[in-house]
Every structure is written in C-alpha cells, then in structure tokens.
Amino acid sequence: MKNTTKGNYKAILAYITFIGLIIAYVLNMDDKDKFVSYHIKNMFGLVILLFISTTFFEGNYILQYLGQLVWVVTFFMWVFSLLMAITGKTKGIPIISELFQKWFKFLD
C-alpha cells in the first residue's frame, strides 16, 4: 500500500536516530496518521534490537560475535525500513514488522 499523505516526513524522521523517533512520536500525537504510527512502532522495535545487540551480548568471544551479527542484521533492517518510509509504503520486514505492530500498540 502506498501512502499519499503529508506524513511522509514524520515517518522518515522516525528513522533518523532515537531523537528523531521521539520527535516523530510527539508530532504524530495531535493528528494520528496510521502510516506514521506504523513506522514509529517499527523503528522502536529496531532501537530495542540495537540496544539488545550492544548490551546483552557482552562477555566472551562467541557472545560478542552474536551481538555484532544482530547489530549488522538490524542495520540492514533499518535501511530497508527507511527506504519503505521514503517510498511511502507500509511494507516492512517479514514477520518482525508484524510482531512490532502487535507488541507496541501503546505507541498508537
């Protein structure tokens, strides 16, 4: 589905650092846009994955390798999601985006 509303810049802003995510959330509070909410929840999940990759995978070499692997995979998911926001689509990462939408309903 392609988005034709003015919310594109808010959705793109959500993917520009954690601060951009907060700003997009605040801007979306007044006039709720489902497209923007979708991308806010998606980025929130990606931020959590990045936090997990840097926090919980410390210790021995194998855990550090797994953490780096999770970080790289999350980075590519972020690039894909950003491109979907730029093109105005609500297509997300298979399975993961649907889970993010279900888990983070409080961000609506």
PDB file of N, CA and C in Angstrom:
ATOM      1  N   MET A   1       0.842  -1.167   0.000  1.00  0.00           N
ATOM      2  CA  MET A   1       0.000   0.000   0.000  1.00  0.00           C
ATOM      3  C   MET A   1       0.893   1.238   0.000  1.00  0.00           C
ATOM      4  N   LYS A   2       0.559   2.197  -0.827  1.00  0.00           N
ATOM      5  CA  LYS A   2       1.341   3.412  -0.933  1.00  0.00           C
ATOM      6  C   LYS A   2       0.652   4.537  -0.182  1.00  0.00           C
ATOM      7  N   ASN A   3       1.449   5.342   0.542  1.00  0.00           N
ATOM      8  CA  ASN A   3       0.917   6.440   1.331  1.00  0.00           C
ATOM      9  C   ASN A   3       1.002   7.725   0.527  1.00  0.00           C
ATOM     10  N   THR A   4      -0.069   8.510   0.537  1.00  0.00           N
ATOM     11  CA  THR A   4      -0.063   9.768  -0.208  1.00  0.00           C
ATOM     12  C   THR A   4      -0.309  10.957   0.709  1.00  0.00           C
ATOM     13  N   THR A   5      -0.224  10.753   2.018  1.00  0.00           N
ATOM     14  CA  THR A   5      -0.478  11.842   2.947  1.00  0.00           C
ATOM     15  C   THR A   5       0.772  12.676   3.167  1.00  0.00           C
ATOM     16  N   LYS A   6       0.604  13.719   3.963  1.00  0.00           N
ATOM     17  CA  LYS A   6       1.725  14.587   4.285  1.00  0.00           C
ATOM     18  C   LYS A   6       2.604  14.007   5.391  1.00  0.00           C
ATOM     19  N   GLY A   7       2.281  12.819   5.878  1.00  0.00           N
ATOM     20  CA  GLY A   7       3.019  12.210   6.976  1.00  0.00           C
ATOM     21  C   GLY A   7       4.335  11.572   6.588  1.00  0.00           C
ATOM     22  N   ASN A   8       4.685  11.628   5.314  1.00  0.00           N
ATOM     23  CA  ASN A   8       5.940  11.001   4.891  1.00  0.00           C
ATOM     24  C   ASN A   8       7.141  11.532   5.658  1.00  0.00           C
ATOM     25  N   TYR A   9       7.221  12.834   5.856  1.00  0.00           N
ATOM     26  CA  TYR A   9       8.385  13.393   6.526  1.00  0.00           C
ATOM     27  C   TYR A   9       8.446  12.951   7.981  1.00  0.00           C
ATOM     28  N   LYS A  10       7.306  12.741   8.618  1.00  0.00           N
ATOM     29  CA  LYS A  10       7.301  12.250  10.001  1.00  0.00           C
ATOM     30  C   LYS A  10       7.793  10.810  10.056  1.00  0.00           C
ATOM     31  N   ALA A  11       7.373  10.000   9.098  1.00  0.00           N
ATOM     32  CA  ALA A  11       7.812   8.605   9.064  1.00  0.00           C
ATOM     33  C   ALA A  11       9.314   8.525   8.811  1.00  0.00           C
ATOM     34  N   ILE A  12       9.819   9.350   7.916  1.00  0.00           N
ATOM     35  CA  ILE A  12      11.252   9.372   7.646  1.00  0.00           C
ATOM     36  C   ILE A  12      12.009   9.882   8.863  1.00  0.00           C
ATOM     37  N   LEU A  13      11.467  10.894   9.518  1.00  0.00           N
ATOM     38  CA  LEU A  13      12.086  11.449  10.722  1.00  0.00           C
ATOM     39  C   LEU A  13      12.210  10.396  11.816  1.00  0.00           C
ATOM     40  N   ALA A  14      11.261   9.481  11.903  1.00  0.00           N
ATOM     41  CA  ALA A  14      11.296   8.432  12.917  1.00  0.00           C
ATOM     42  C   ALA A  14      12.536   7.554  12.774  1.00  0.00           C
ATOM     43  N   TYR A  15      13.064   7.428  11.570  1.00  0.00           N
ATOM     44  CA  TYR A  15      14.227   6.574  11.339  1.00  0.00           C
ATOM     45  C   TYR A  15      15.551   7.313  11.492  1.00  0.00           C
ATOM     46  N   ILE A  16      15.504   8.608  11.748  1.00  0.00           N
ATOM     47  CA  ILE A  16      16.736   9.377  11.893  1.00  0.00           C
ATOM     48  C   ILE A  16      17.057   9.506  13.378  1.00  0.00           C
ATOM     49  N   THR A  17      17.817   8.607  13.887  1.00  0.00           N
ATOM     50  CA  THR A  17      18.265   8.490  15.279  1.00  0.00           C
ATOM     51  C   THR A  17      17.097   8.330  16.260  1.00  0.00           C
ATOM     52  N   PHE A  18      17.444   8.062  17.479  1.00  0.00           N
ATOM     53  CA  PHE A  18      16.439   7.881  18.528  1.00  0.00           C
ATOM     54  C   PHE A  18      15.704   9.194  18.806  1.00  0.00           C
ATOM     55  N   ILE A  19      16.405  10.314  18.705  1.00  0.00           N
ATOM     56  CA  ILE A  19      15.779  11.624  18.917  1.00  0.00           C
ATOM     57  C   ILE A  19      14.715  11.873  17.852  1.00  0.00           C
ATOM     58  N   GLY A  20      14.993  11.504  16.617  1.00  0.00           N
ATOM     59  CA  GLY A  20      14.015  11.634  15.540  1.00  0.00           C
ATOM     60  C   GLY A  20      12.773  10.808  15.813  1.00  0.00           C
ATOM     61  N   LEU A  21      12.959   9.638  16.411  1.00  0.00           N
ATOM     62  CA  LEU A  21      11.835   8.789  16.784  1.00  0.00           C
ATOM     63  C   LEU A  21      10.942   9.498  17.800  1.00  0.00           C
ATOM     64  N   ILE A  22      11.546  10.117  18.785  1.00  0.00           N
ATOM     65  CA  ILE A  22      10.776  10.840  19.806  1.00  0.00           C
ATOM     66  C   ILE A  22      10.053  12.028  19.183  1.00  0.00           C
ATOM     67  N   ILE A  23      10.736  12.779  18.329  1.00  0.00           N
ATOM     68  CA  ILE A  23      10.123  13.942  17.689  1.00  0.00           C
ATOM     69  C   ILE A  23       8.952  13.503  16.806  1.00  0.00           C
ATOM     70  N   ALA A  24       9.136  12.434  16.034  1.00  0.00           N
ATOM     71  CA  ALA A  24       8.048  11.943  15.175  1.00  0.00           C
ATOM     72  C   ALA A  24       6.861  11.493  16.014  1.00  0.00           C
ATOM     73  N   TYR A  25       7.123  10.860  17.147  1.00  0.00           N
ATOM     74  CA  TYR A  25       6.040  10.429  18.032  1.00  0.00           C
ATOM     75  C   TYR A  25       5.260  11.630  18.558  1.00  0.00           C
ATOM     76  N   VAL A  26       5.962  12.655  18.993  1.00  0.00           N
ATOM     77  CA  VAL A  26       5.308  13.861  19.520  1.00  0.00           C
ATOM     78  C   VAL A  26       4.512  14.557  18.419  1.00  0.00           C
ATOM     79  N   LEU A  27       5.076  14.673  17.224  1.00  0.00           N
ATOM     80  CA  LEU A  27       4.366  15.312  16.116  1.00  0.00           C
ATOM     81  C   LEU A  27       3.126  14.517  15.697  1.00  0.00           C
ATOM     82  N   ASN A  28       3.169  13.202  15.882  1.00  0.00           N
ATOM     83  CA  ASN A  28       2.056  12.351  15.477  1.00  0.00           C
ATOM     84  C   ASN A  28       0.959  12.277  16.540  1.00  0.00           C
ATOM     85  N   MET A  29       1.189  12.845  17.703  1.00  0.00           N
ATOM     86  CA  MET A  29       0.201  12.768  18.783  1.00  0.00           C
ATOM     87  C   MET A  29      -1.060  13.560  18.473  1.00  0.00           C
ATOM     88  N   ASP A  30      -0.928  14.711  17.844  1.00  0.00           N
ATOM     89  CA  ASP A  30      -2.084  15.568  17.585  1.00  0.00           C
ATOM     90  C   ASP A  30      -3.003  14.988  16.520  1.00  0.00           C
ATOM     91  N   ASP A  31      -2.478  14.795  15.345  1.00  0.00           N
ATOM     92  CA  ASP A  31      -3.289  14.219  14.275  1.00  0.00           C
ATOM     93  C   ASP A  31      -2.687  12.869  13.889  1.00  0.00           C
ATOM     94  N   LYS A  32      -3.278  11.826  14.427  1.00  0.00           N
ATOM     95  CA  LYS A  32      -2.767  10.471  14.244  1.00  0.00           C
ATOM     96  C   LYS A  32      -2.793  10.067  12.769  1.00  0.00           C
ATOM     97  N   ASP A  33      -1.684   9.581  12.303  1.00  0.00           N
ATOM     98  CA  ASP A  33      -1.558   9.064  10.951  1.00  0.00           C
ATOM     99  C   ASP A  33      -1.116   7.608  11.064  1.00  0.00           C
ATOM    100  N   LYS A  34      -1.893   6.695  10.511  1.00  0.00           N
ATOM    101  CA  LYS A  34      -1.585   5.266  10.632  1.00  0.00           C
ATOM    102  C   LYS A  34      -0.246   4.920   9.986  1.00  0.00           C
ATOM    103  N   PHE A  35       0.066   5.593   8.887  1.00  0.00           N
ATOM    104  CA  PHE A  35       1.342   5.355   8.200  1.00  0.00           C
ATOM    105  C   PHE A  35       2.505   5.722   9.115  1.00  0.00           C
ATOM    106  N   VAL A  36       2.423   6.866   9.755  1.00  0.00           N
ATOM    107  CA  VAL A  36       3.488   7.321  10.656  1.00  0.00           C
ATOM    108  C   VAL A  36       3.558   6.413  11.878  1.00  0.00           C
ATOM    109  N   SER A  37       2.413   6.044  12.422  1.00  0.00           N
ATOM    110  CA  SER A  37       2.394   5.149  13.587  1.00  0.00           C
ATOM    111  C   SER A  37       3.054   3.815  13.261  1.00  0.00           C
ATOM    112  N   TYR A  38       2.789   3.301  12.068  1.00  0.00           N
ATOM    113  CA  TYR A  38       3.401   2.046  11.636  1.00  0.00           C
ATOM    114  C   TYR A  38       4.924   2.161  11.680  1.00  0.00           C
ATOM    115  N   HIS A  39       5.458   3.234  11.130  1.00  0.00           N
ATOM    116  CA  HIS A  39       6.910   3.383  11.063  1.00  0.00           C
ATOM    117  C   HIS A  39       7.506   3.739  12.422  1.00  0.00           C
ATOM    118  N   ILE A  40       6.765   4.416  13.275  1.00  0.00           N
ATOM    119  CA  ILE A  40       7.250   4.693  14.627  1.00  0.00           C
ATOM    120  C   ILE A  40       7.404   3.386  15.396  1.00  0.00           C
ATOM    121  N   LYS A  41       6.396   2.518  15.310  1.00  0.00           N
ATOM    122  CA  LYS A  41       6.475   1.229  16.012  1.00  0.00           C
ATOM    123  C   LYS A  41       7.590   0.363  15.439  1.00  0.00           C
ATOM    124  N   ASN A  42       7.778   0.422  14.137  1.00  0.00           N
ATOM    125  CA  ASN A  42       8.844  -0.350  13.502  1.00  0.00           C
ATOM    126  C   ASN A  42      10.218   0.124  13.986  1.00  0.00           C
ATOM    127  N   MET A  43      10.430   1.422  14.013  1.00  0.00           N
ATOM    128  CA  MET A  43      11.718   1.948  14.457  1.00  0.00           C
ATOM    129  C   MET A  43      11.931   1.698  15.938  1.00  0.00           C
ATOM    130  N   PHE A  44      10.883   1.760  16.737  1.00  0.00           N
ATOM    131  CA  PHE A  44      11.009   1.490  18.161  1.00  0.00           C
ATOM    132  C   PHE A  44      11.524   0.067  18.380  1.00  0.00           C
ATOM    133  N   GLY A  45      10.986  -0.877  17.627  1.00  0.00           N
ATOM    134  CA  GLY A  45      11.463  -2.249  17.713  1.00  0.00           C
ATOM    135  C   GLY A  45      12.909  -2.389  17.278  1.00  0.00           C
ATOM    136  N   LEU A  46      13.299  -1.670  16.233  1.00  0.00           N
ATOM    137  CA  LEU A  46      14.687  -1.720  15.772  1.00  0.00           C
ATOM    138  C   LEU A  46      15.643  -1.118  16.802  1.00  0.00           C
ATOM    139  N   VAL A  47      15.213  -0.064  17.483  1.00  0.00           N
ATOM    140  CA  VAL A  47      16.039   0.539  18.535  1.00  0.00           C
ATOM    141  C   VAL A  47      16.233  -0.465  19.672  1.00  0.00           C
ATOM    142  N   ILE A  48      15.185  -1.181  20.016  1.00  0.00           N
ATOM    143  CA  ILE A  48      15.299  -2.198  21.069  1.00  0.00           C
ATOM    144  C   ILE A  48      16.269  -3.301  20.635  1.00  0.00           C
ATOM    145  N   LEU A  49      16.187  -3.726  19.378  1.00  0.00           N
ATOM    146  CA  LEU A  49      17.127  -4.739  18.881  1.00  0.00           C
ATOM    147  C   LEU A  49      18.572  -4.237  18.935  1.00  0.00           C
ATOM    148  N   LEU A  50      18.787  -2.973  18.592  1.00  0.00           N
ATOM    149  CA  LEU A  50      20.139  -2.413  18.680  1.00  0.00           C
ATOM    150  C   LEU A  50      20.621  -2.368  20.126  1.00  0.00           C
ATOM    151  N   PHE A  51      19.727  -1.997  21.031  1.00  0.00           N
ATOM    152  CA  PHE A  51      20.079  -1.975  22.450  1.00  0.00           C
ATOM    153  C   PHE A  51      20.456  -3.379  22.930  1.00  0.00           C
ATOM    154  N   ILE A  52      19.677  -4.364  22.534  1.00  0.00           N
ATOM    155  CA  ILE A  52      19.964  -5.747  22.916  1.00  0.00           C
ATOM    156  C   ILE A  52      21.305  -6.196  22.348  1.00  0.00           C
ATOM    157  N   SER A  53      21.576  -5.835  21.098  1.00  0.00           N
ATOM    158  CA  SER A  53      22.820  -6.281  20.462  1.00  0.00           C
ATOM    159  C   SER A  53      24.056  -5.701  21.137  1.00  0.00           C
ATOM    160  N   THR A  54      23.939  -4.529  21.723  1.00  0.00           N
ATOM    161  CA  THR A  54      25.109  -3.918  22.361  1.00  0.00           C
ATOM    162  C   THR A  54      25.177  -4.187  23.856  1.00  0.00           C
ATOM    163  N   THR A  55      24.073  -4.563  24.467  1.00  0.00           N
ATOM    164  CA  THR A  55      24.045  -4.723  25.914  1.00  0.00           C
ATOM    165  C   THR A  55      24.153  -6.176  26.363  1.00  0.00           C
ATOM    166  N   PHE A  56      23.343  -7.026  25.806  1.00  0.00           N
ATOM    167  CA  PHE A  56      23.247  -8.389  26.309  1.00  0.00           C
ATOM    168  C   PHE A  56      24.265  -9.347  25.712  1.00  0.00           C
ATOM    169  N   PHE A  57      24.952  -8.955  24.679  1.00  0.00           N
ATOM    170  CA  PHE A  57      25.911  -9.848  24.050  1.00  0.00           C
ATOM    171  C   PHE A  57      27.340  -9.440  24.376  1.00  0.00           C
ATOM    172  N   GLU A  58      27.593  -9.138  25.633  1.00  0.00           N
ATOM    173  CA  GLU A  58      28.948  -8.827  26.073  1.00  0.00           C
ATOM    174  C   GLU A  58      29.487 -10.044  26.808  1.00  0.00           C
ATOM    175  N   GLY A  59      30.753 -10.157  26.851  1.00  0.00           N
ATOM    176  CA  GLY A  59      31.343 -11.294  27.554  1.00  0.00           C
ATOM    177  C   GLY A  59      32.376 -11.973  26.687  1.00  0.00           C
ATOM    178  N   ASN A  60      32.181 -13.252  26.470  1.00  0.00           N
ATOM    179  CA  ASN A  60      33.182 -13.999  25.711  1.00  0.00           C
ATOM    180  C   ASN A  60      33.068 -13.712  24.212  1.00  0.00           C
ATOM    181  N   TYR A  61      33.980 -14.280  23.472  1.00  0.00           N
ATOM    182  CA  TYR A  61      34.093 -14.018  22.033  1.00  0.00           C
ATOM    183  C   TYR A  61      32.824 -14.413  21.272  1.00  0.00           C
ATOM    184  N   ILE A  62      32.241 -15.538  21.613  1.00  0.00           N
ATOM    185  CA  ILE A  62      31.056 -16.023  20.897  1.00  0.00           C
ATOM    186  C   ILE A  62      29.880 -15.069  21.091  1.00  0.00           C
ATOM    187  N   LEU A  63      29.685 -14.594  22.318  1.00  0.00           N
ATOM    188  CA  LEU A  63      28.587 -13.648  22.572  1.00  0.00           C
ATOM    189  C   LEU A  63      28.820 -12.325  21.855  1.00  0.00           C
ATOM    190  N   GLN A  64      30.071 -11.866  21.815  1.00  0.00           N
ATOM    191  CA  GLN A  64      30.368 -10.628  21.095  1.00  0.00           C
ATOM    192  C   GLN A  64      30.108 -10.795  19.611  1.00  0.00           C
ATOM    193  N   TYR A  65      30.445 -11.947  19.062  1.00  0.00           N
ATOM    194  CA  TYR A  65      30.187 -12.226  17.651  1.00  0.00           C
ATOM    195  C   TYR A  65      28.689 -12.224  17.372  1.00  0.00           C
ATOM    196  N   LEU A  66      27.909 -12.863  18.238  1.00  0.00           N
ATOM    197  CA  LEU A  66      26.453 -12.863  18.079  1.00  0.00           C
ATOM    198  C   LEU A  66      25.889 -11.450  18.164  1.00  0.00           C
ATOM    199  N   GLY A  67      26.416 -10.654  19.087  1.00  0.00           N
ATOM    200  CA  GLY A  67      25.972  -9.267  19.213  1.00  0.00           C
ATOM    201  C   GLY A  67      26.251  -8.466  17.960  1.00  0.00           C
ATOM    202  N   GLN A  68      27.430  -8.669  17.386  1.00  0.00           N
ATOM    203  CA  GLN A  68      27.772  -7.970  16.151  1.00  0.00           C
ATOM    204  C   GLN A  68      26.884  -8.432  15.002  1.00  0.00           C
ATOM    205  N   LEU A  69      26.582  -9.707  14.966  1.00  0.00           N
ATOM    206  CA  LEU A  69      25.707 -10.244  13.933  1.00  0.00           C
ATOM    207  C   LEU A  69      24.302  -9.649  14.050  1.00  0.00           C
ATOM    208  N   VAL A  70      23.776  -9.585  15.268  1.00  0.00           N
ATOM    209  CA  VAL A  70      22.457  -8.983  15.493  1.00  0.00           C
ATOM    210  C   VAL A  70      22.483  -7.513  15.088  1.00  0.00           C
ATOM    211  N   TRP A  71      23.585  -6.805  15.401  1.00  0.00           N
ATOM    212  CA  TRP A  71      23.695  -5.389  15.058  1.00  0.00           C
ATOM    213  C   TRP A  71      23.671  -5.204  13.545  1.00  0.00           C
ATOM    214  N   VAL A  72      24.434  -6.009  12.814  1.00  0.00           N
ATOM    215  CA  VAL A  72      24.506  -5.881  11.349  1.00  0.00           C
ATOM    216  C   VAL A  72      23.147  -6.190  10.719  1.00  0.00           C
ATOM    217  N   VAL A  73      22.489  -7.255  11.176  1.00  0.00           N
ATOM    218  CA  VAL A  73      21.167  -7.602  10.648  1.00  0.00           C
ATOM    219  C   VAL A  73      20.171  -6.477  10.939  1.00  0.00           C
ATOM    220  N   THR A  74      20.237  -5.923  12.136  1.00  0.00           N
ATOM    221  CA  THR A  74      19.347  -4.812  12.493  1.00  0.00           C
ATOM    222  C   THR A  74      19.622  -3.592  11.631  1.00  0.00           C
ATOM    223  N   PHE A  75      20.890  -3.328  11.335  1.00  0.00           N
ATOM    224  CA  PHE A  75      21.237  -2.202  10.476  1.00  0.00           C
ATOM    225  C   PHE A  75      20.603  -2.352   9.099  1.00  0.00           C
ATOM    226  N   PHE A  76      20.689  -3.551   8.517  1.00  0.00           N
ATOM    227  CA  PHE A  76      20.095  -3.766   7.196  1.00  0.00           C
ATOM    228  C   PHE A  76      18.571  -3.678   7.249  1.00  0.00           C
ATOM    229  N   MET A  77      17.973  -4.111   8.355  1.00  0.00           N
ATOM    230  CA  MET A  77      16.522  -3.962   8.509  1.00  0.00           C
ATOM    231  C   MET A  77      16.152  -2.482   8.616  1.00  0.00           C
ATOM    232  N   TRP A  78      17.008  -1.684   9.270  1.00  0.00           N
ATOM    233  CA  TRP A  78      16.767  -0.245   9.390  1.00  0.00           C
ATOM    234  C   TRP A  78      16.829   0.417   8.010  1.00  0.00           C
ATOM    235  N   VAL A  79      17.826   0.053   7.209  1.00  0.00           N
ATOM    236  CA  VAL A  79      17.957   0.624   5.857  1.00  0.00           C
ATOM    237  C   VAL A  79      16.725   0.283   5.026  1.00  0.00           C
ATOM    238  N   PHE A  80      16.292  -0.977   5.084  1.00  0.00           N
ATOM    239  CA  PHE A  80      15.109  -1.397   4.337  1.00  0.00           C
ATOM    240  C   PHE A  80      13.875  -0.625   4.791  1.00  0.00           C
ATOM    241  N   SER A  81      13.707  -0.486   6.099  1.00  0.00           N
ATOM    242  CA  SER A  81      12.539   0.225   6.636  1.00  0.00           C
ATOM    243  C   SER A  81      12.564   1.703   6.269  1.00  0.00           C
ATOM    244  N   LEU A  82      13.743   2.303   6.305  1.00  0.00           N
ATOM    245  CA  LEU A  82      13.876   3.707   5.902  1.00  0.00           C
ATOM    246  C   LEU A  82      13.499   3.883   4.439  1.00  0.00           C
ATOM    247  N   LEU A  83      13.937   2.981   3.594  1.00  0.00           N
ATOM    248  CA  LEU A  83      13.578   3.052   2.175  1.00  0.00           C
ATOM    249  C   LEU A  83      12.071   2.907   1.970  1.00  0.00           C
ATOM    250  N   MET A  84      11.434   2.067   2.755  1.00  0.00           N
ATOM    251  CA  MET A  84       9.974   1.909   2.657  1.00  0.00           C
ATOM    252  C   MET A  84       9.271   3.196   3.099  1.00  0.00           C
ATOM    253  N   ALA A  85       9.797   3.865   4.122  1.00  0.00           N
ATOM    254  CA  ALA A  85       9.208   5.138   4.558  1.00  0.00           C
ATOM    255  C   ALA A  85       9.400   6.209   3.487  1.00  0.00           C
ATOM    256  N   ILE A  86      10.562   6.234   2.855  1.00  0.00           N
ATOM    257  CA  ILE A  86      10.837   7.227   1.811  1.00  0.00           C
ATOM    258  C   ILE A  86       9.912   7.018   0.612  1.00  0.00           C
ATOM    259  N   THR A  87       9.681   5.763   0.256  1.00  0.00           N
ATOM    260  CA  THR A  87       8.821   5.478  -0.893  1.00  0.00           C
ATOM    261  C   THR A  87       7.338   5.514  -0.541  1.00  0.00           C
ATOM    262  N   GLY A  88       7.016   5.685   0.742  1.00  0.00           N
ATOM    263  CA  GLY A  88       5.624   5.823   1.152  1.00  0.00           C
ATOM    264  C   GLY A  88       4.877   4.512   1.287  1.00  0.00           C
ATOM    265  N   LYS A  89       5.586   3.443   1.577  1.00  0.00           N
ATOM    266  CA  LYS A  89       4.950   2.130   1.690  1.00  0.00           C
ATOM    267  C   LYS A  89       4.930   1.664   3.142  1.00  0.00           C
ATOM    268  N   THR A  90       3.948   0.851   3.474  1.00  0.00           N
ATOM    269  CA  THR A  90       3.893   0.257   4.810  1.00  0.00           C
ATOM    270  C   THR A  90       4.376  -1.186   4.779  1.00  0.00           C
ATOM    271  N   LYS A  91       5.147  -1.515   3.782  1.00  0.00           N
ATOM    272  CA  LYS A  91       5.749  -2.841   3.716  1.00  0.00           C
ATOM    273  C   LYS A  91       6.909  -2.861   4.707  1.00  0.00           C
ATOM    274  N   GLY A  92       6.979  -3.922   5.470  1.00  0.00           N
ATOM    275  CA  GLY A  92       8.029  -3.996   6.473  1.00  0.00           C
ATOM    276  C   GLY A  92       8.845  -5.261   6.360  1.00  0.00           C
ATOM    277  N   ILE A  93       9.612  -5.504   7.390  1.00  0.00           N
ATOM    278  CA  ILE A  93      10.435  -6.686   7.476  1.00  0.00           C
ATOM    279  C   ILE A  93       9.508  -7.879   7.708  1.00  0.00           C
ATOM    280  N   PRO A  94       9.615  -8.923   6.896  1.00  0.00           N
ATOM    281  CA  PRO A  94       8.710 -10.064   7.073  1.00  0.00           C
ATOM    282  C   PRO A  94       8.734 -10.595   8.510  1.00  0.00           C
ATOM    283  N   ILE A  95       7.610 -10.891   9.025  1.00  0.00           N
ATOM    284  CA  ILE A  95       7.341 -11.428  10.364  1.00  0.00           C
ATOM    285  C   ILE A  95       7.674 -10.423  11.460  1.00  0.00           C
ATOM    286  N   ILE A  96       8.845  -9.828  11.430  1.00  0.00           N
ATOM    287  CA  ILE A  96       9.287  -8.953  12.514  1.00  0.00           C
ATOM    288  C   ILE A  96       8.433  -7.692  12.595  1.00  0.00           C
ATOM    289  N   SER A  97       8.147  -7.056  11.470  1.00  0.00           N
ATOM    290  CA  SER A  97       7.338  -5.837  11.499  1.00  0.00           C
ATOM    291  C   SER A  97       5.940  -6.107  12.039  1.00  0.00           C
ATOM    292  N   GLU A  98       5.360  -7.248  11.689  1.00  0.00           N
ATOM    293  CA  GLU A  98       4.033  -7.579  12.209  1.00  0.00           C
ATOM    294  C   GLU A  98       4.078  -7.755  13.719  1.00  0.00           C
ATOM    295  N   LEU A  99       5.148  -8.372  14.209  1.00  0.00           N
ATOM    296  CA  LEU A  99       5.299  -8.519  15.653  1.00  0.00           C
ATOM    297  C   LEU A  99       5.457  -7.163  16.332  1.00  0.00           C
ATOM    298  N   PHE A 100       6.258  -6.275  15.745  1.00  0.00           N
ATOM    299  CA  PHE A 100       6.427  -4.936  16.299  1.00  0.00           C
ATOM    300  C   PHE A 100       5.093  -4.205  16.371  1.00  0.00           C
ATOM    301  N   GLN A 101       4.269  -4.355  15.334  1.00  0.00           N
ATOM    302  CA  GLN A 101       2.967  -3.685  15.305  1.00  0.00           C
ATOM    303  C   GLN A 101       2.061  -4.221  16.415  1.00  0.00           C
ATOM    304  N   LYS A 102       2.162  -5.503  16.694  1.00  0.00           N
ATOM    305  CA  LYS A 102       1.342  -6.118  17.730  1.00  0.00           C
ATOM    306  C   LYS A 102       1.847  -5.756  19.129  1.00  0.00           C
ATOM    307  N   TRP A 103       3.149  -5.796  19.329  1.00  0.00           N
ATOM    308  CA  TRP A 103       3.737  -5.559  20.644  1.00  0.00           C
ATOM    309  C   TRP A 103       3.687  -4.107  21.082  1.00  0.00           C
ATOM    310  N   PHE A 104       3.801  -3.169  20.168  1.00  0.00           N
ATOM    311  CA  PHE A 104       3.938  -1.765  20.529  1.00  0.00           C
ATOM    312  C   PHE A 104       2.684  -0.950  20.227  1.00  0.00           C
ATOM    313  N   LYS A 105       1.534  -1.509  20.500  1.00  0.00           N
ATOM    314  CA  LYS A 105       0.270  -0.807  20.281  1.00  0.00           C
ATOM    315  C   LYS A 105       0.157   0.454  21.148  1.00  0.00           C
ATOM    316  N   PHE A 106       0.878   0.492  22.259  1.00  0.00           N
ATOM    317  CA  PHE A 106       0.832   1.666  23.134  1.00  0.00           C
ATOM    318  C   PHE A 106       1.396   2.906  22.451  1.00  0.00           C
ATOM    319  N   LEU A 107       2.083   2.755  21.343  1.00  0.00           N
ATOM    320  CA  LEU A 107       2.630   3.904  20.618  1.00  0.00           C
ATOM    321  C   LEU A 107       1.635   4.517  19.628  1.00  0.00           C
ATOM    322  N   ASP A 108       0.428   3.934  19.528  1.00  0.00           N
ATOM    323  CA  ASP A 108      -0.606   4.490  18.629  1.00  0.00           C
ATOM    324  C   ASP A 108      -1.060   5.846  19.094  1.00  0.00           C
TER     325      ASP A 108
END
